[in-house]
């Protein structure tokens, strides 16, 4: 999902946040927002996805250029 949002921004698309109804969890707690460890893990995954998307874009732009002498 994060990669899709980064791609939308790169393409200049508009992003809208749409409110949705939510219900209480039927059982248990969230593994992500319920603990500091889960929150940090989710955050690191999101940031690494954004970083890898940027690296892929930079790598592609560096090696898609023509080399001197090529036409």
PDB file of N, CA and C in Angstrom:
ATOM      1  N   UNK A   1       0.813  -1.182   0.000  1.00  0.00           N
ATOM      2  CA  UNK A   1       0.000   0.000   0.000  1.00  0.00           C
ATOM      3  C   UNK A   1       0.870   1.264   0.000  1.00  0.00           C
ATOM      4  N   UNK A   2       1.947   1.251   0.748  1.00  0.00           N
ATOM      5  CA  UNK A   2       2.831   2.415   0.807  1.00  0.00           C
ATOM      6  C   UNK A   2       3.460   2.654  -0.550  1.00  0.00           C
ATOM      7  N   UNK A   3       3.889   1.580  -1.207  1.00  0.00           N
ATOM      8  CA  UNK A   3       4.519   1.715  -2.517  1.00  0.00           C
ATOM      9  C   UNK A   3       3.541   2.333  -3.517  1.00  0.00           C
ATOM     10  N   UNK A   4       2.284   1.966  -3.427  1.00  0.00           N
ATOM     11  CA  UNK A   4       1.274   2.512  -4.322  1.00  0.00           C
ATOM     12  C   UNK A   4       1.097   4.017  -4.069  1.00  0.00           C
ATOM     13  N   UNK A   5       1.143   4.438  -2.819  1.00  0.00           N
ATOM     14  CA  UNK A   5       1.009   5.860  -2.504  1.00  0.00           C
ATOM     15  C   UNK A   5       2.211   6.643  -2.996  1.00  0.00           C
ATOM     16  N   UNK A   6       3.408   6.101  -2.834  1.00  0.00           N
ATOM     17  CA  UNK A   6       4.617   6.769  -3.326  1.00  0.00           C
ATOM     18  C   UNK A   6       4.539   6.907  -4.839  1.00  0.00           C
ATOM     19  N   UNK A   7       4.116   5.859  -5.503  1.00  0.00           N
ATOM     20  CA  UNK A   7       3.995   5.879  -6.967  1.00  0.00           C
ATOM     21  C   UNK A   7       2.974   6.920  -7.426  1.00  0.00           C
ATOM     22  N   UNK A   8       1.858   7.039  -6.706  1.00  0.00           N
ATOM     23  CA  UNK A   8       0.834   8.024  -7.049  1.00  0.00           C
ATOM     24  C   UNK A   8       1.390   9.444  -6.934  1.00  0.00           C
ATOM     25  N   UNK A   9       2.175   9.697  -5.896  1.00  0.00           N
ATOM     26  CA  UNK A   9       2.784  11.014  -5.726  1.00  0.00           C
ATOM     27  C   UNK A   9       3.759  11.285  -6.862  1.00  0.00           C
ATOM     28  N   UNK A  10       4.578  10.299  -7.233  1.00  0.00           N
ATOM     29  CA  UNK A  10       5.524  10.466  -8.337  1.00  0.00           C
ATOM     30  C   UNK A  10       4.811  10.777  -9.651  1.00  0.00           C
ATOM     31  N   UNK A  11       3.639  10.184  -9.848  1.00  0.00           N
ATOM     32  CA  UNK A  11       2.881  10.393 -11.076  1.00  0.00           C
ATOM     33  C   UNK A  11       2.061  11.685 -11.036  1.00  0.00           C
ATOM     34  N   UNK A  12       2.072  12.377  -9.900  1.00  0.00           N
ATOM     35  CA  UNK A  12       1.338  13.622  -9.775  1.00  0.00           C
ATOM     36  C   UNK A  12      -0.159  13.437  -9.568  1.00  0.00           C
ATOM     37  N   UNK A  13      -0.562  12.267  -9.104  1.00  0.00           N
ATOM     38  CA  UNK A  13      -1.975  12.001  -8.874  1.00  0.00           C
ATOM     39  C   UNK A  13      -2.419  12.600  -7.545  1.00  0.00           C
ATOM     40  N   UNK A  14      -3.694  12.871  -7.440  1.00  0.00           N
ATOM     41  CA  UNK A  14      -4.230  13.383  -6.181  1.00  0.00           C
ATOM     42  C   UNK A  14      -4.554  12.212  -5.265  1.00  0.00           C
ATOM     43  N   UNK A  15      -4.353  12.433  -3.983  1.00  0.00           N
ATOM     44  CA  UNK A  15      -4.652  11.410  -2.991  1.00  0.00           C
ATOM     45  C   UNK A  15      -5.670  11.998  -2.025  1.00  0.00           C
ATOM     46  N   UNK A  16      -6.738  11.266  -1.785  1.00  0.00           N
ATOM     47  CA  UNK A  16      -7.777  11.725  -0.869  1.00  0.00           C
ATOM     48  C   UNK A  16      -7.941  10.711   0.250  1.00  0.00           C
ATOM     49  N   UNK A  17      -8.203  11.216   1.431  1.00  0.00           N
ATOM     50  CA  UNK A  17      -8.469  10.350   2.578  1.00  0.00           C
ATOM     51  C   UNK A  17      -9.982  10.290   2.763  1.00  0.00           C
ATOM     52  N   UNK A  18     -10.519   9.100   2.707  1.00  0.00           N
ATOM     53  CA  UNK A  18     -11.960   8.917   2.796  1.00  0.00           C
ATOM     54  C   UNK A  18     -12.284   8.242   4.122  1.00  0.00           C
ATOM     55  N   UNK A  19     -13.125   8.869   4.937  1.00  0.00           N
ATOM     56  CA  UNK A  19     -13.468   8.249   6.222  1.00  0.00           C
ATOM     57  C   UNK A  19     -14.326   6.992   6.015  1.00  0.00           C
ATOM     58  N   UNK A  20     -14.052   5.983   6.782  1.00  0.00           N
ATOM     59  CA  UNK A  20     -14.835   4.748   6.721  1.00  0.00           C
ATOM     60  C   UNK A  20     -15.295   4.393   8.128  1.00  0.00           C
ATOM     61  N   UNK A  21     -16.393   3.677   8.201  1.00  0.00           N
ATOM     62  CA  UNK A  21     -16.877   3.235   9.506  1.00  0.00           C
ATOM     63  C   UNK A  21     -15.988   2.099   9.989  1.00  0.00           C
ATOM     64  N   UNK A  22     -15.724   2.091  11.250  1.00  0.00           N
ATOM     65  CA  UNK A  22     -14.937   0.994  11.802  1.00  0.00           C
ATOM     66  C   UNK A  22     -15.647   0.446  13.034  1.00  0.00           C
ATOM     67  N   UNK A  23     -15.353  -0.774  13.332  1.00  0.00           N
ATOM     68  CA  UNK A  23     -15.981  -1.453  14.460  1.00  0.00           C
ATOM     69  C   UNK A  23     -14.897  -1.919  15.424  1.00  0.00           C
ATOM     70  N   UNK A  24     -15.290  -2.174  16.633  1.00  0.00           N
ATOM     71  CA  UNK A  24     -14.341  -2.707  17.609  1.00  0.00           C
ATOM     72  C   UNK A  24     -13.871  -4.082  17.147  1.00  0.00           C
ATOM     73  N   UNK A  25     -12.649  -4.411  17.494  1.00  0.00           N
ATOM     74  CA  UNK A  25     -12.126  -5.728  17.151  1.00  0.00           C
ATOM     75  C   UNK A  25     -12.943  -6.786  17.885  1.00  0.00           C
ATOM     76  N   UNK A  26     -13.303  -7.864  17.194  1.00  0.00           N
ATOM     77  CA  UNK A  26     -14.120  -8.880  17.846  1.00  0.00           C
ATOM     78  C   UNK A  26     -13.386  -9.594  18.993  1.00  0.00           C
ATOM     79  N   UNK A  27     -12.072  -9.698  18.857  1.00  0.00           N
ATOM     80  CA  UNK A  27     -11.312 -10.381  19.912  1.00  0.00           C
ATOM     81  C   UNK A  27      -9.869  -9.904  19.882  1.00  0.00           C
ATOM     82  N   UNK A  28      -9.278  -9.778  21.037  1.00  0.00           N
ATOM     83  CA  UNK A  28      -7.862  -9.479  21.124  1.00  0.00           C
ATOM     84  C   UNK A  28      -7.512  -8.037  20.819  1.00  0.00           C
ATOM     85  N   UNK A  29      -6.197  -7.784  20.789  1.00  0.00           N
ATOM     86  CA  UNK A  29      -5.658  -6.455  20.499  1.00  0.00           C
ATOM     87  C   UNK A  29      -4.902  -6.489  19.183  1.00  0.00           C
ATOM     88  N   UNK A  30      -4.723  -5.323  18.606  1.00  0.00           N
ATOM     89  CA  UNK A  30      -3.938  -5.201  17.388  1.00  0.00           C
ATOM     90  C   UNK A  30      -2.479  -5.535  17.699  1.00  0.00           C
ATOM     91  N   UNK A  31      -1.851  -6.308  16.831  1.00  0.00           N
ATOM     92  CA  UNK A  31      -0.440  -6.634  17.019  1.00  0.00           C
ATOM     93  C   UNK A  31       0.444  -5.460  16.625  1.00  0.00           C
ATOM     94  N   UNK A  32      -0.097  -4.530  15.859  1.00  0.00           N
ATOM     95  CA  UNK A  32       0.707  -3.409  15.392  1.00  0.00           C
ATOM     96  C   UNK A  32       0.583  -2.216  16.329  1.00  0.00           C
ATOM     97  N   UNK A  33      -0.615  -1.689  16.478  1.00  0.00           N
ATOM     98  CA  UNK A  33      -0.758  -0.474  17.280  1.00  0.00           C
ATOM     99  C   UNK A  33      -0.899  -0.761  18.769  1.00  0.00           C
ATOM    100  N   UNK A  34      -0.974  -2.017  19.151  1.00  0.00           N
ATOM    101  CA  UNK A  34      -1.146  -2.357  20.549  1.00  0.00           C
ATOM    102  C   UNK A  34       0.137  -2.329  21.353  1.00  0.00           C
ATOM    103  N   UNK A  35       1.289  -2.379  20.678  1.00  0.00           N
ATOM    104  CA  UNK A  35       2.563  -2.414  21.394  1.00  0.00           C
ATOM    105  C   UNK A  35       3.571  -1.478  20.742  1.00  0.00           C
ATOM    106  N   UNK A  36       4.547  -1.055  21.510  1.00  0.00           N
ATOM    107  CA  UNK A  36       5.612  -0.210  20.971  1.00  0.00           C
ATOM    108  C   UNK A  36       6.408  -0.981  19.923  1.00  0.00           C
ATOM    109  N   UNK A  37       6.680  -2.250  20.195  1.00  0.00           N
ATOM    110  CA  UNK A  37       7.439  -3.082  19.260  1.00  0.00           C
ATOM    111  C   UNK A  37       6.721  -3.185  17.912  1.00  0.00           C
ATOM    112  N   UNK A  38       5.419  -3.427  17.944  1.00  0.00           N
ATOM    113  CA  UNK A  38       4.644  -3.530  16.717  1.00  0.00           C
ATOM    114  C   UNK A  38       4.621  -2.232  15.936  1.00  0.00           C
ATOM    115  N   UNK A  39       4.496  -1.127  16.667  1.00  0.00           N
ATOM    116  CA  UNK A  39       4.478   0.183  16.027  1.00  0.00           C
ATOM    117  C   UNK A  39       5.813   0.475  15.356  1.00  0.00           C
ATOM    118  N   UNK A  40       6.911   0.192  16.064  1.00  0.00           N
ATOM    119  CA  UNK A  40       8.243   0.430  15.487  1.00  0.00           C
ATOM    120  C   UNK A  40       8.497  -0.475  14.289  1.00  0.00           C
ATOM    121  N   UNK A  41       8.071  -1.721  14.375  1.00  0.00           N
ATOM    122  CA  UNK A  41       8.254  -2.643  13.263  1.00  0.00           C
ATOM    123  C   UNK A  41       7.473  -2.181  12.031  1.00  0.00           C
ATOM    124  N   UNK A  42       6.217  -1.795  12.221  1.00  0.00           N
ATOM    125  CA  UNK A  42       5.410  -1.314  11.100  1.00  0.00           C
ATOM    126  C   UNK A  42       6.022  -0.056  10.490  1.00  0.00           C
ATOM    127  N   UNK A  43       6.494   0.859  11.343  1.00  0.00           N
ATOM    128  CA  UNK A  43       7.135   2.078  10.849  1.00  0.00           C
ATOM    129  C   UNK A  43       8.386   1.791  10.057  1.00  0.00           C
ATOM    130  N   UNK A  44       9.191   0.834  10.521  1.00  0.00           N
ATOM    131  CA  UNK A  44      10.425   0.511   9.797  1.00  0.00           C
ATOM    132  C   UNK A  44      10.120  -0.139   8.450  1.00  0.00           C
ATOM    133  N   UNK A  45       9.070  -0.934   8.388  1.00  0.00           N
ATOM    134  CA  UNK A  45       8.682  -1.544   7.113  1.00  0.00           C
ATOM    135  C   UNK A  45       8.225  -0.469   6.130  1.00  0.00           C
ATOM    136  N   UNK A  46       7.437   0.473   6.616  1.00  0.00           N
ATOM    137  CA  UNK A  46       6.960   1.558   5.754  1.00  0.00           C
ATOM    138  C   UNK A  46       8.131   2.382   5.232  1.00  0.00           C
ATOM    139  N   UNK A  47       9.050   2.761   6.130  1.00  0.00           N
ATOM    140  CA  UNK A  47      10.198   3.570   5.704  1.00  0.00           C
ATOM    141  C   UNK A  47      11.123   2.820   4.755  1.00  0.00           C
ATOM    142  N   UNK A  48      11.322   1.514   4.985  1.00  0.00           N
ATOM    143  CA  UNK A  48      12.183   0.752   4.079  1.00  0.00           C
ATOM    144  C   UNK A  48      11.531   0.600   2.701  1.00  0.00           C
ATOM    145  N   UNK A  49      10.214   0.511   2.658  1.00  0.00           N
ATOM    146  CA  UNK A  49       9.516   0.444   1.369  1.00  0.00           C
ATOM    147  C   UNK A  49       9.696   1.747   0.604  1.00  0.00           C
ATOM    148  N   UNK A  50       9.553   2.867   1.283  1.00  0.00           N
ATOM    149  CA  UNK A  50       9.757   4.166   0.631  1.00  0.00           C
ATOM    150  C   UNK A  50      11.201   4.288   0.153  1.00  0.00           C
ATOM    151  N   UNK A  51      12.155   3.882   0.998  1.00  0.00           N
ATOM    152  CA  UNK A  51      13.571   3.949   0.615  1.00  0.00           C
ATOM    153  C   UNK A  51      13.899   3.073  -0.571  1.00  0.00           C
ATOM    154  N   UNK A  52      13.369   1.862  -0.600  1.00  0.00           N
ATOM    155  CA  UNK A  52      13.668   0.975  -1.724  1.00  0.00           C
ATOM    156  C   UNK A  52      13.043   1.478  -3.018  1.00  0.00           C
ATOM    157  N   UNK A  53      11.882   2.117  -2.912  1.00  0.00           N
ATOM    158  CA  UNK A  53      11.255   2.706  -4.092  1.00  0.00           C
ATOM    159  C   UNK A  53      12.122   3.833  -4.635  1.00  0.00           C
ATOM    160  N   UNK A  54      12.648   4.668  -3.757  1.00  0.00           N
ATOM    161  CA  UNK A  54      13.537   5.751  -4.185  1.00  0.00           C
ATOM    162  C   UNK A  54      14.818   5.197  -4.802  1.00  0.00           C
ATOM    163  N   UNK A  55      15.404   4.198  -4.169  1.00  0.00           N
ATOM    164  CA  UNK A  55      16.630   3.609  -4.711  1.00  0.00           C
ATOM    165  C   UNK A  55      16.399   3.000  -6.084  1.00  0.00           C
ATOM    166  N   UNK A  56      15.273   2.337  -6.257  1.00  0.00           N
ATOM    167  CA  UNK A  56      14.947   1.740  -7.560  1.00  0.00           C
ATOM    168  C   UNK A  56      14.812   2.825  -8.621  1.00  0.00           C
ATOM    169  N   UNK A  57      14.184   3.947  -8.262  1.00  0.00           N
ATOM    170  CA  UNK A  57      14.007   5.054  -9.207  1.00  0.00           C
ATOM    171  C   UNK A  57      15.368   5.660  -9.571  1.00  0.00           C
ATOM    172  N   UNK A  58      16.237   5.860  -8.580  1.00  0.00           N
ATOM    173  CA  UNK A  58      17.568   6.423  -8.827  1.00  0.00           C
ATOM    174  C   UNK A  58      18.397   5.472  -9.681  1.00  0.00           C
ATOM    175  N   UNK A  59      18.373   4.186  -9.342  1.00  0.00           N
ATOM    176  CA  UNK A  59      19.130   3.176 -10.082  1.00  0.00           C
ATOM    177  C   UNK A  59      18.696   3.146 -11.548  1.00  0.00           C
ATOM    178  N   UNK A  60      17.392   3.178 -11.771  1.00  0.00           N
ATOM    179  CA  UNK A  60      16.859   3.143 -13.134  1.00  0.00           C
ATOM    180  C   UNK A  60      17.269   4.384 -13.913  1.00  0.00           C
ATOM    181  N   UNK A  61      17.214   5.545 -13.284  1.00  0.00           N
ATOM    182  CA  UNK A  61      17.571   6.772 -13.994  1.00  0.00           C
ATOM    183  C   UNK A  61      19.068   6.824 -14.296  1.00  0.00           C
ATOM    184  N   UNK A  62      19.894   6.261 -13.431  1.00  0.00           N
ATOM    185  CA  UNK A  62      21.341   6.267 -13.678  1.00  0.00           C
ATOM    186  C   UNK A  62      21.727   5.371 -14.848  1.00  0.00           C
ATOM    187  N   UNK A  63      21.115   4.204 -14.924  1.00  0.00           N
ATOM    188  CA  UNK A  63      21.545   3.234 -15.919  1.00  0.00           C
ATOM    189  C   UNK A  63      20.662   3.176 -17.158  1.00  0.00           C
ATOM    190  N   UNK A  64      19.726   4.109 -17.284  1.00  0.00           N
ATOM    191  CA  UNK A  64      18.917   4.150 -18.506  1.00  0.00           C
ATOM    192  C   UNK A  64      19.418   5.246 -19.447  1.00  0.00           C
ATOM    193  N   UNK A  65      20.426   5.991 -19.009  1.00  0.00           N
ATOM    194  CA  UNK A  65      20.996   7.036 -19.856  1.00  0.00           C
ATOM    195  C   UNK A  65      21.917   6.411 -20.892  1.00  0.00           C
ATOM    196  N   UNK A  66      21.975   6.995 -22.081  1.00  0.00           N
ATOM    197  CA  UNK A  66      22.912   6.480 -23.091  1.00  0.00           C
ATOM    198  C   UNK A  66      24.359   6.770 -22.693  1.00  0.00           C
ATOM    199  N   UNK A  67      25.246   5.865 -23.045  1.00  0.00           N
ATOM    200  CA  UNK A  67      26.679   6.034 -22.787  1.00  0.00           C
ATOM    201  C   UNK A  67      27.258   6.858 -23.925  1.00  0.00           C
ATOM    202  N   UNK A  68      28.313   7.637 -23.645  1.00  0.00           N
ATOM    203  CA  UNK A  68      28.935   8.467 -24.672  1.00  0.00           C
ATOM    204  C   UNK A  68      29.263   7.634 -25.892  1.00  0.00           C
ATOM    205  N   UNK A  69      28.987   8.153 -27.069  1.00  0.00           N
ATOM    206  CA  UNK A  69      29.311   7.462 -28.315  1.00  0.00           C
ATOM    207  C   UNK A  69      28.146   6.627 -28.835  1.00  0.00           C
ATOM    208  N   UNK A  70      27.168   6.344 -27.979  1.00  0.00           N
ATOM    209  CA  UNK A  70      26.006   5.588 -28.451  1.00  0.00           C
ATOM    210  C   UNK A  70      24.958   6.554 -28.973  1.00  0.00           C
ATOM    211  N   UNK A  71      24.265   6.136 -29.993  1.00  0.00           N
ATOM    212  CA  UNK A  71      23.186   6.961 -30.534  1.00  0.00           C
ATOM    213  C   UNK A  71      21.916   6.169 -30.609  1.00  0.00           C
TER     214      UNK A  71
END
